[in-house]
Each structure stands twice: as structure tokens, then as C-alpha cells.
């Protein structure tokens, strides 16, 4: 971990895979200056170059983690990893935001699960051709005291 937690007000989780356009869009539009990068071990060299370009542009990459998204226990392992990162920075008034675009589907689902449990704001780059970033605040609206069994009521209007 670099920097002091007191100096950090917001941390963006970014899944990074072969495509980097979604991260570029989120960084520019959301003014991301501090990020945690999660990528696959298969893309480590490519992602290290990308992180260098982010650092050159003033983005402080606090941590980078390489996971094996194709291992049998990858969903559990990625969720545990993200929760441990949150634990390190929690308690200092840090807001976490989840970038759900990028990486593998497993990585995106794992980050989405944590975002739902923790009530994070999220974003998703919908279409790189149209350069459209969708902000997803539904998880932020969920009351953390509501049992998981009752969370379905928050999405009942979507199912109609």
C-alpha cells in the first residue's frame, strides 16, 4: 500500500483484461486518481505496461493483484481478495467504487457481489464505440441491515 489512508477519499476498483478502453473512459470521466487494479495472471506483462501509462497520467495505482480467473475456486478467491483490500483501507472515510467492466466475467461478477454486499457505487462502460459510461447506484441505495433474502424486493420493479 502506498500513501497514507488519511490522504485517500476514494478508491476505484478496476478489472483490467485485454481491453483497456473501458478503464480509460472511467478514469477520464470519473476523474479517477486512486485505483486498485485486478487482472489475470495471464496478462501480467501487458497490464504492467498499462499501469505504467496510468502512473504517467497521475493515477496512483495503490495495489495491483493478479488472479487466476479460470481456477475452480476463483470466484471465492477474488471475492476474498477484494474484501481484504477493503479491510485495509476501511475506517478512514474511504469511499469505494467498483468498475464492473473489464477482466473476465468471473472477475466482474466477483466485484459486483462485493459491491452489492458493501453497498458500493458502480459503473459500467456500456459501449466503447459510443463512449458511454453507465453509473449504477442501486447497490448504494440498499440498506445494509436488510437480510440478503429480502434484497429481491429492491429489484421487483425490474422483473415486471
N, C-alpha and C. Protein backbone atom coordinates (compact mmCIF):
# COMPACT_ATOMS: atom_id res chain seq x y z
N UNK A 1 0.86 -1.17 0.00
CA UNK A 1 0.00 0.00 0.00
C UNK A 1 0.90 1.22 0.00
N UNK A 2 0.57 2.15 -0.88
CA UNK A 2 1.33 3.39 -0.91
C UNK A 2 0.48 4.51 -0.40
N UNK A 3 1.10 5.55 0.12
CA UNK A 3 0.34 6.69 0.62
C UNK A 3 -0.32 6.38 1.95
N UNK A 4 -0.80 7.42 2.57
CA UNK A 4 -1.50 7.28 3.84
C UNK A 4 -2.99 7.19 3.59
N UNK A 5 -3.70 6.39 4.39
CA UNK A 5 -5.14 6.27 4.23
C UNK A 5 -5.83 7.61 4.44
N UNK A 6 -5.26 8.45 5.28
CA UNK A 6 -5.88 9.75 5.54
C UNK A 6 -5.90 10.62 4.29
N UNK A 7 -5.01 10.35 3.34
CA UNK A 7 -4.92 11.12 2.10
C UNK A 7 -5.84 10.57 1.02
N UNK A 8 -6.55 9.50 1.30
CA UNK A 8 -7.36 8.84 0.29
C UNK A 8 -8.84 9.02 0.62
N UNK A 9 -9.57 9.63 -0.30
CA UNK A 9 -11.00 9.80 -0.08
C UNK A 9 -11.81 8.80 -0.90
N UNK A 10 -11.26 8.34 -2.02
CA UNK A 10 -12.00 7.45 -2.90
C UNK A 10 -11.03 6.50 -3.59
N UNK A 11 -11.42 5.22 -3.65
CA UNK A 11 -10.62 4.21 -4.33
C UNK A 11 -11.53 3.51 -5.34
N UNK A 12 -11.05 3.42 -6.57
CA UNK A 12 -11.77 2.73 -7.63
C UNK A 12 -11.16 1.36 -7.85
N UNK A 13 -12.01 0.34 -7.85
CA UNK A 13 -11.59 -0.99 -8.24
C UNK A 13 -11.78 -1.09 -9.75
N UNK A 14 -10.74 -1.45 -10.46
CA UNK A 14 -10.82 -1.61 -11.90
C UNK A 14 -10.35 -3.00 -12.29
N UNK A 15 -11.21 -3.76 -12.96
CA UNK A 15 -10.82 -5.03 -13.55
C UNK A 15 -10.20 -4.70 -14.91
N UNK A 16 -9.04 -5.24 -15.17
CA UNK A 16 -8.36 -4.94 -16.43
C UNK A 16 -8.02 -6.26 -17.12
N UNK A 17 -8.41 -6.34 -18.39
CA UNK A 17 -8.12 -7.51 -19.20
C UNK A 17 -7.43 -7.10 -20.48
N UNK A 18 -7.76 -7.77 -21.57
CA UNK A 18 -7.17 -7.43 -22.87
C UNK A 18 -7.54 -6.01 -23.29
N UNK A 19 -8.76 -5.65 -23.07
CA UNK A 19 -9.24 -4.32 -23.44
C UNK A 19 -8.96 -3.34 -22.31
N UNK A 20 -8.50 -2.17 -22.68
CA UNK A 20 -8.21 -1.13 -21.69
C UNK A 20 -9.10 0.10 -21.87
N UNK A 21 -9.86 0.14 -22.97
CA UNK A 21 -10.67 1.31 -23.30
C UNK A 21 -11.66 1.67 -22.20
N UNK A 22 -12.25 0.64 -21.58
CA UNK A 22 -13.23 0.90 -20.52
C UNK A 22 -12.57 1.61 -19.34
N UNK A 23 -11.37 1.18 -18.99
CA UNK A 23 -10.66 1.81 -17.88
C UNK A 23 -10.29 3.23 -18.24
N UNK A 24 -9.85 3.44 -19.46
CA UNK A 24 -9.50 4.79 -19.92
C UNK A 24 -10.73 5.71 -19.83
N UNK A 25 -11.87 5.21 -20.26
CA UNK A 25 -13.11 6.00 -20.22
C UNK A 25 -13.48 6.34 -18.78
N UNK A 26 -13.47 5.36 -17.90
CA UNK A 26 -13.83 5.59 -16.49
C UNK A 26 -12.85 6.56 -15.83
N UNK A 27 -11.58 6.40 -16.09
CA UNK A 27 -10.56 7.27 -15.49
C UNK A 27 -10.79 8.71 -15.91
N UNK A 28 -11.05 8.92 -17.19
CA UNK A 28 -11.27 10.27 -17.69
C UNK A 28 -12.56 10.90 -17.21
N UNK A 29 -13.64 10.15 -17.31
CA UNK A 29 -14.95 10.73 -16.99
C UNK A 29 -15.20 10.85 -15.48
N UNK A 30 -14.68 9.91 -14.72
CA UNK A 30 -14.91 9.92 -13.27
C UNK A 30 -13.75 10.54 -12.49
N UNK A 31 -12.75 11.00 -13.19
CA UNK A 31 -11.59 11.67 -12.57
C UNK A 31 -10.92 10.76 -11.53
N UNK A 32 -10.69 9.54 -11.93
CA UNK A 32 -10.06 8.57 -11.04
C UNK A 32 -8.60 8.96 -10.82
N UNK A 33 -8.25 9.09 -9.55
CA UNK A 33 -6.85 9.39 -9.25
C UNK A 33 -6.21 8.33 -8.35
N UNK A 34 -7.03 7.43 -7.79
CA UNK A 34 -6.50 6.34 -6.98
C UNK A 34 -7.26 5.06 -7.34
N UNK A 35 -6.51 4.01 -7.64
CA UNK A 35 -7.15 2.80 -8.11
C UNK A 35 -6.46 1.55 -7.57
N UNK A 36 -7.25 0.50 -7.48
CA UNK A 36 -6.75 -0.84 -7.24
C UNK A 36 -7.06 -1.61 -8.52
N UNK A 37 -6.05 -2.21 -9.09
CA UNK A 37 -6.19 -2.94 -10.35
C UNK A 37 -6.22 -4.44 -10.05
N UNK A 38 -7.19 -5.11 -10.67
CA UNK A 38 -7.27 -6.57 -10.59
C UNK A 38 -7.23 -7.08 -12.02
N UNK A 39 -6.33 -8.01 -12.28
CA UNK A 39 -6.21 -8.57 -13.61
C UNK A 39 -5.85 -10.05 -13.49
N UNK A 40 -5.77 -10.69 -14.64
CA UNK A 40 -5.43 -12.12 -14.63
C UNK A 40 -3.92 -12.30 -14.74
N UNK A 41 -3.44 -13.37 -14.17
CA UNK A 41 -2.01 -13.66 -14.22
C UNK A 41 -1.55 -13.85 -15.67
N UNK A 42 -2.46 -14.26 -16.54
CA UNK A 42 -2.13 -14.48 -17.94
C UNK A 42 -1.76 -13.18 -18.66
N UNK A 43 -2.19 -12.03 -18.13
CA UNK A 43 -1.96 -10.74 -18.79
C UNK A 43 -1.00 -9.84 -18.03
N UNK A 44 -0.24 -10.40 -17.13
CA UNK A 44 0.58 -9.60 -16.22
C UNK A 44 1.50 -8.61 -16.95
N UNK A 45 2.24 -9.06 -17.94
CA UNK A 45 3.18 -8.16 -18.62
C UNK A 45 2.45 -7.01 -19.30
N UNK A 46 1.37 -7.31 -19.99
CA UNK A 46 0.59 -6.28 -20.68
C UNK A 46 0.01 -5.27 -19.69
N UNK A 47 -0.50 -5.76 -18.58
CA UNK A 47 -1.12 -4.89 -17.58
C UNK A 47 -0.08 -4.03 -16.88
N UNK A 48 1.12 -4.56 -16.68
CA UNK A 48 2.18 -3.77 -16.06
C UNK A 48 2.51 -2.55 -16.93
N UNK A 49 2.52 -2.72 -18.24
CA UNK A 49 2.74 -1.59 -19.15
C UNK A 49 1.60 -0.58 -19.03
N UNK A 50 0.38 -1.06 -18.94
CA UNK A 50 -0.79 -0.19 -18.81
C UNK A 50 -0.71 0.61 -17.50
N UNK A 51 -0.32 -0.06 -16.42
CA UNK A 51 -0.20 0.62 -15.13
C UNK A 51 0.86 1.71 -15.21
N UNK A 52 1.93 1.46 -15.93
CA UNK A 52 2.94 2.49 -16.14
C UNK A 52 2.37 3.72 -16.82
N UNK A 53 1.51 3.49 -17.81
CA UNK A 53 0.89 4.63 -18.50
C UNK A 53 -0.09 5.37 -17.59
N UNK A 54 -0.77 4.65 -16.71
CA UNK A 54 -1.68 5.31 -15.75
C UNK A 54 -0.88 6.18 -14.78
N UNK A 55 0.21 5.64 -14.29
CA UNK A 55 1.06 6.37 -13.35
C UNK A 55 1.59 7.65 -14.02
N UNK A 56 1.98 7.54 -15.28
CA UNK A 56 2.47 8.71 -16.01
C UNK A 56 1.39 9.78 -16.13
N UNK A 57 0.12 9.37 -16.12
CA UNK A 57 -1.00 10.32 -16.24
C UNK A 57 -1.50 10.79 -14.88
N UNK A 58 -0.84 10.40 -13.79
CA UNK A 58 -1.21 10.90 -12.48
C UNK A 58 -2.14 10.02 -11.68
N UNK A 59 -2.42 8.81 -12.17
CA UNK A 59 -3.25 7.88 -11.41
C UNK A 59 -2.35 7.12 -10.45
N UNK A 60 -2.69 7.17 -9.18
CA UNK A 60 -1.95 6.44 -8.16
C UNK A 60 -2.54 5.04 -8.06
N UNK A 61 -1.84 4.06 -8.60
CA UNK A 61 -2.28 2.67 -8.51
C UNK A 61 -1.80 2.15 -7.16
N UNK A 62 -2.73 2.09 -6.22
CA UNK A 62 -2.40 1.72 -4.84
C UNK A 62 -1.95 0.27 -4.73
N UNK A 63 -2.63 -0.59 -5.45
CA UNK A 63 -2.32 -2.03 -5.41
C UNK A 63 -2.68 -2.63 -6.75
N UNK A 64 -1.94 -3.66 -7.12
CA UNK A 64 -2.26 -4.46 -8.30
C UNK A 64 -2.25 -5.92 -7.88
N UNK A 65 -3.29 -6.63 -8.28
CA UNK A 65 -3.39 -8.05 -7.93
C UNK A 65 -3.67 -8.85 -9.19
N UNK A 66 -2.95 -9.94 -9.33
CA UNK A 66 -3.13 -10.83 -10.47
C UNK A 66 -3.75 -12.13 -9.97
N UNK A 67 -4.88 -12.48 -10.55
CA UNK A 67 -5.64 -13.65 -10.12
C UNK A 67 -5.72 -14.64 -11.28
N UNK A 68 -6.07 -15.86 -10.94
CA UNK A 68 -6.35 -16.86 -11.97
C UNK A 68 -7.87 -16.99 -12.06
N UNK A 69 -8.50 -16.27 -12.98
CA UNK A 69 -9.95 -16.27 -13.04
C UNK A 69 -10.55 -17.57 -13.55
N UNK A 70 -9.71 -18.50 -13.95
CA UNK A 70 -10.22 -19.76 -14.51
C UNK A 70 -10.02 -20.95 -13.58
N UNK A 71 -9.54 -20.69 -12.38
CA UNK A 71 -9.37 -21.76 -11.40
C UNK A 71 -10.72 -22.12 -10.79
N UNK A 72 -10.89 -23.35 -10.32
CA UNK A 72 -12.18 -23.76 -9.76
C UNK A 72 -12.67 -22.89 -8.60
N UNK A 73 -11.79 -22.36 -7.81
CA UNK A 73 -12.18 -21.55 -6.64
C UNK A 73 -12.02 -20.05 -6.89
N UNK A 74 -11.92 -19.65 -8.16
CA UNK A 74 -11.58 -18.26 -8.45
C UNK A 74 -12.63 -17.27 -7.94
N UNK A 75 -13.89 -17.59 -8.03
CA UNK A 75 -14.93 -16.66 -7.56
C UNK A 75 -14.74 -16.37 -6.07
N UNK A 76 -14.61 -17.41 -5.29
CA UNK A 76 -14.40 -17.23 -3.85
C UNK A 76 -13.09 -16.49 -3.56
N UNK A 77 -12.04 -16.86 -4.27
CA UNK A 77 -10.74 -16.24 -4.04
C UNK A 77 -10.73 -14.76 -4.39
N UNK A 78 -11.37 -14.38 -5.48
CA UNK A 78 -11.41 -12.98 -5.89
C UNK A 78 -12.24 -12.16 -4.92
N UNK A 79 -13.39 -12.70 -4.50
CA UNK A 79 -14.21 -12.01 -3.50
C UNK A 79 -13.42 -11.81 -2.22
N UNK A 80 -12.73 -12.85 -1.76
CA UNK A 80 -11.91 -12.74 -0.54
C UNK A 80 -10.81 -11.70 -0.70
N UNK A 81 -10.18 -11.68 -1.85
CA UNK A 81 -9.14 -10.70 -2.13
C UNK A 81 -9.69 -9.28 -2.03
N UNK A 82 -10.80 -9.03 -2.69
CA UNK A 82 -11.39 -7.69 -2.68
C UNK A 82 -11.80 -7.28 -1.26
N UNK A 83 -12.39 -8.21 -0.52
CA UNK A 83 -12.78 -7.90 0.86
C UNK A 83 -11.56 -7.59 1.72
N UNK A 84 -10.46 -8.27 1.49
CA UNK A 84 -9.24 -7.99 2.28
C UNK A 84 -8.67 -6.61 1.93
N UNK A 85 -8.75 -6.22 0.70
CA UNK A 85 -8.30 -4.88 0.30
C UNK A 85 -9.16 -3.83 0.96
N UNK A 86 -10.47 -4.03 0.94
CA UNK A 86 -11.40 -3.09 1.58
C UNK A 86 -11.08 -2.96 3.06
N UNK A 87 -10.79 -4.08 3.69
CA UNK A 87 -10.48 -4.07 5.12
C UNK A 87 -9.25 -3.21 5.41
N UNK A 88 -8.25 -3.28 4.55
CA UNK A 88 -7.03 -2.49 4.75
C UNK A 88 -7.29 -0.99 4.72
N UNK A 89 -8.23 -0.55 3.90
CA UNK A 89 -8.47 0.87 3.72
C UNK A 89 -9.70 1.38 4.49
N UNK A 90 -10.49 0.49 5.03
CA UNK A 90 -11.71 0.89 5.73
C UNK A 90 -11.38 1.60 7.03
N UNK A 91 -12.35 2.35 7.51
CA UNK A 91 -12.19 3.04 8.78
C UNK A 91 -11.53 4.38 8.66
N UNK A 92 -11.24 4.81 7.46
CA UNK A 92 -10.59 6.09 7.24
C UNK A 92 -11.46 7.00 6.38
N UNK A 93 -12.76 6.69 6.29
CA UNK A 93 -13.66 7.51 5.49
C UNK A 93 -13.48 7.33 3.99
N UNK A 94 -12.86 6.24 3.57
CA UNK A 94 -12.63 5.99 2.16
C UNK A 94 -13.90 5.45 1.52
N UNK A 95 -14.27 6.02 0.37
CA UNK A 95 -15.39 5.50 -0.42
C UNK A 95 -14.82 4.60 -1.51
N UNK A 96 -15.44 3.45 -1.70
CA UNK A 96 -15.01 2.52 -2.74
C UNK A 96 -16.01 2.57 -3.88
N UNK A 97 -15.49 2.52 -5.10
CA UNK A 97 -16.33 2.50 -6.30
C UNK A 97 -15.85 1.32 -7.14
N UNK A 98 -16.80 0.57 -7.69
CA UNK A 98 -16.47 -0.63 -8.45
C UNK A 98 -16.69 -0.41 -9.94
N UNK A 99 -15.63 -0.59 -10.71
CA UNK A 99 -15.73 -0.57 -12.17
C UNK A 99 -15.99 -1.99 -12.64
N UNK A 100 -17.21 -2.25 -13.05
CA UNK A 100 -17.61 -3.62 -13.37
C UNK A 100 -17.24 -4.07 -14.77
N UNK A 101 -16.74 -3.18 -15.59
CA UNK A 101 -16.34 -3.55 -16.94
C UNK A 101 -14.90 -4.04 -16.92
N UNK A 102 -14.58 -4.99 -17.74
CA UNK A 102 -13.20 -5.42 -17.89
C UNK A 102 -12.90 -6.72 -17.18
N UNK A 103 -11.74 -7.27 -17.51
CA UNK A 103 -11.37 -8.56 -16.96
C UNK A 103 -12.27 -9.65 -17.53
N UNK A 104 -12.35 -10.74 -16.83
CA UNK A 104 -13.24 -11.83 -17.25
C UNK A 104 -14.61 -11.64 -16.61
N UNK A 105 -15.58 -12.39 -17.08
CA UNK A 105 -16.92 -12.34 -16.47
C UNK A 105 -16.86 -12.71 -14.99
N UNK A 106 -16.04 -13.69 -14.65
CA UNK A 106 -15.90 -14.12 -13.25
C UNK A 106 -15.40 -12.95 -12.40
N UNK A 107 -14.41 -12.21 -12.90
CA UNK A 107 -13.89 -11.07 -12.16
C UNK A 107 -14.95 -10.00 -11.98
N UNK A 108 -15.73 -9.73 -13.02
CA UNK A 108 -16.79 -8.72 -12.94
C UNK A 108 -17.87 -9.15 -11.96
N UNK A 109 -18.26 -10.42 -11.99
CA UNK A 109 -19.28 -10.91 -11.07
C UNK A 109 -18.77 -10.83 -9.63
N UNK A 110 -17.53 -11.22 -9.40
CA UNK A 110 -16.97 -11.17 -8.04
C UNK A 110 -16.99 -9.74 -7.51
N UNK A 111 -16.57 -8.78 -8.32
CA UNK A 111 -16.58 -7.39 -7.89
C UNK A 111 -18.01 -6.90 -7.69
N UNK A 112 -18.93 -7.34 -8.53
CA UNK A 112 -20.34 -6.98 -8.37
C UNK A 112 -20.94 -7.54 -7.10
N UNK A 113 -20.58 -8.75 -6.74
CA UNK A 113 -21.07 -9.36 -5.49
C UNK A 113 -20.60 -8.54 -4.30
N UNK A 114 -19.33 -8.17 -4.30
CA UNK A 114 -18.80 -7.36 -3.20
C UNK A 114 -19.49 -5.99 -3.18
N UNK A 115 -19.69 -5.41 -4.34
CA UNK A 115 -20.36 -4.10 -4.42
C UNK A 115 -21.77 -4.19 -3.84
N UNK A 116 -22.47 -5.27 -4.12
CA UNK A 116 -23.83 -5.43 -3.58
C UNK A 116 -23.79 -5.61 -2.07
N UNK A 117 -22.89 -6.44 -1.59
CA UNK A 117 -22.79 -6.69 -0.15
C UNK A 117 -22.42 -5.42 0.61
N UNK A 118 -21.48 -4.66 0.05
CA UNK A 118 -20.94 -3.49 0.74
C UNK A 118 -21.67 -2.19 0.41
N UNK A 119 -22.55 -2.21 -0.59
CA UNK A 119 -23.29 -1.01 -0.94
C UNK A 119 -22.47 0.03 -1.69
N UNK A 120 -21.62 -0.42 -2.61
CA UNK A 120 -20.77 0.50 -3.37
C UNK A 120 -21.49 1.05 -4.59
N UNK A 121 -21.09 2.24 -4.98
CA UNK A 121 -21.45 2.75 -6.29
C UNK A 121 -20.64 1.97 -7.31
N UNK A 122 -21.21 1.80 -8.49
CA UNK A 122 -20.54 1.06 -9.55
C UNK A 122 -20.65 1.85 -10.84
N UNK A 123 -19.86 1.43 -11.81
CA UNK A 123 -20.01 1.96 -13.16
C UNK A 123 -19.71 0.85 -14.14
N UNK A 124 -20.24 1.03 -15.33
CA UNK A 124 -20.05 0.06 -16.39
C UNK A 124 -19.94 0.84 -17.70
N UNK A 125 -18.89 0.59 -18.47
CA UNK A 125 -18.75 1.23 -19.77
C UNK A 125 -19.56 0.39 -20.74
N UNK A 126 -20.67 0.97 -21.17
CA UNK A 126 -21.67 0.23 -21.92
C UNK A 126 -21.24 -0.08 -23.34
N UNK A 127 -20.67 0.89 -24.00
CA UNK A 127 -20.33 0.70 -25.40
C UNK A 127 -19.14 1.60 -25.72
N UNK A 128 -18.01 1.00 -25.95
CA UNK A 128 -16.82 1.83 -26.18
C UNK A 128 -16.94 2.65 -27.46
N UNK A 129 -17.74 2.19 -28.43
CA UNK A 129 -17.91 2.97 -29.66
C UNK A 129 -18.69 4.26 -29.40
N UNK A 130 -19.69 4.18 -28.52
CA UNK A 130 -20.47 5.37 -28.18
C UNK A 130 -19.88 6.13 -27.01
N UNK A 131 -18.83 5.57 -26.41
CA UNK A 131 -18.17 6.25 -25.30
C UNK A 131 -19.14 6.55 -24.17
N UNK A 132 -19.91 5.57 -23.76
CA UNK A 132 -20.98 5.77 -22.78
C UNK A 132 -20.67 5.05 -21.48
N UNK A 133 -20.68 5.79 -20.38
CA UNK A 133 -20.44 5.22 -19.07
C UNK A 133 -21.74 5.23 -18.28
N UNK A 134 -22.15 4.07 -17.82
CA UNK A 134 -23.38 3.92 -17.06
C UNK A 134 -23.05 3.88 -15.58
N UNK A 135 -23.61 4.81 -14.82
CA UNK A 135 -23.42 4.80 -13.37
C UNK A 135 -24.50 3.94 -12.75
N UNK A 136 -24.11 3.06 -11.84
CA UNK A 136 -25.03 2.12 -11.21
C UNK A 136 -24.98 2.38 -9.71
N UNK A 137 -26.02 3.00 -9.19
CA UNK A 137 -26.04 3.35 -7.77
C UNK A 137 -27.02 2.52 -6.95
N UNK A 138 -27.62 1.49 -7.56
CA UNK A 138 -28.64 0.71 -6.87
C UNK A 138 -28.07 0.04 -5.62
N UNK A 139 -26.82 -0.41 -5.67
CA UNK A 139 -26.24 -1.08 -4.51
C UNK A 139 -26.03 -0.09 -3.37
N UNK A 140 -25.71 1.14 -3.69
CA UNK A 140 -25.52 2.18 -2.69
C UNK A 140 -26.83 2.44 -1.95
N UNK A 141 -27.96 2.25 -2.65
CA UNK A 141 -29.28 2.52 -2.08
C UNK A 141 -29.76 1.42 -1.14
N UNK A 142 -29.18 0.23 -1.24
CA UNK A 142 -29.61 -0.88 -0.40
C UNK A 142 -29.23 -0.61 1.05
N UNK A 143 -30.14 -0.88 1.93
CA UNK A 143 -29.87 -0.75 3.37
C UNK A 143 -29.09 -1.99 3.80
N UNK A 144 -27.91 -1.79 4.34
CA UNK A 144 -27.05 -2.92 4.71
C UNK A 144 -27.67 -3.79 5.81
N UNK A 145 -28.69 -3.29 6.49
CA UNK A 145 -29.30 -4.09 7.55
C UNK A 145 -30.36 -5.05 7.00
N UNK A 146 -30.70 -4.92 5.73
CA UNK A 146 -31.70 -5.80 5.13
C UNK A 146 -31.08 -7.17 4.89
N UNK A 147 -31.72 -8.23 5.37
CA UNK A 147 -31.19 -9.58 5.13
C UNK A 147 -31.13 -9.87 3.63
N UNK A 148 -30.13 -10.65 3.23
CA UNK A 148 -29.96 -10.95 1.81
C UNK A 148 -31.22 -11.55 1.18
N UNK A 149 -31.99 -12.30 1.97
CA UNK A 149 -33.21 -12.92 1.43
C UNK A 149 -34.22 -11.86 0.98
N UNK A 150 -34.17 -10.69 1.58
CA UNK A 150 -35.15 -9.65 1.26
C UNK A 150 -34.66 -8.67 0.19
N UNK A 151 -33.45 -8.82 -0.25
CA UNK A 151 -32.90 -7.88 -1.23
C UNK A 151 -33.70 -7.92 -2.53
N UNK A 152 -34.31 -9.05 -2.84
CA UNK A 152 -35.10 -9.16 -4.06
C UNK A 152 -36.15 -8.09 -4.21
N UNK A 153 -36.67 -7.58 -3.08
CA UNK A 153 -37.73 -6.56 -3.17
C UNK A 153 -37.20 -5.27 -3.81
N UNK A 154 -35.90 -5.01 -3.73
CA UNK A 154 -35.35 -3.82 -4.36
C UNK A 154 -35.35 -3.91 -5.88
N UNK A 155 -35.45 -5.13 -6.39
CA UNK A 155 -35.40 -5.33 -7.83
C UNK A 155 -36.73 -5.79 -8.40
N UNK A 156 -37.80 -5.78 -7.58
CA UNK A 156 -39.09 -6.30 -8.03
C UNK A 156 -39.65 -5.53 -9.21
N UNK A 157 -39.45 -4.23 -9.28
CA UNK A 157 -39.98 -3.46 -10.39
C UNK A 157 -39.23 -3.76 -11.69
N UNK A 158 -38.04 -4.32 -11.60
CA UNK A 158 -37.26 -4.66 -12.79
C UNK A 158 -37.81 -5.91 -13.46
N UNK A 159 -38.38 -6.81 -12.68
CA UNK A 159 -38.84 -8.09 -13.20
C UNK A 159 -40.17 -8.01 -13.91
N UNK A 160 -40.87 -6.91 -13.84
CA UNK A 160 -42.20 -6.83 -14.45
C UNK A 160 -42.13 -6.69 -15.95
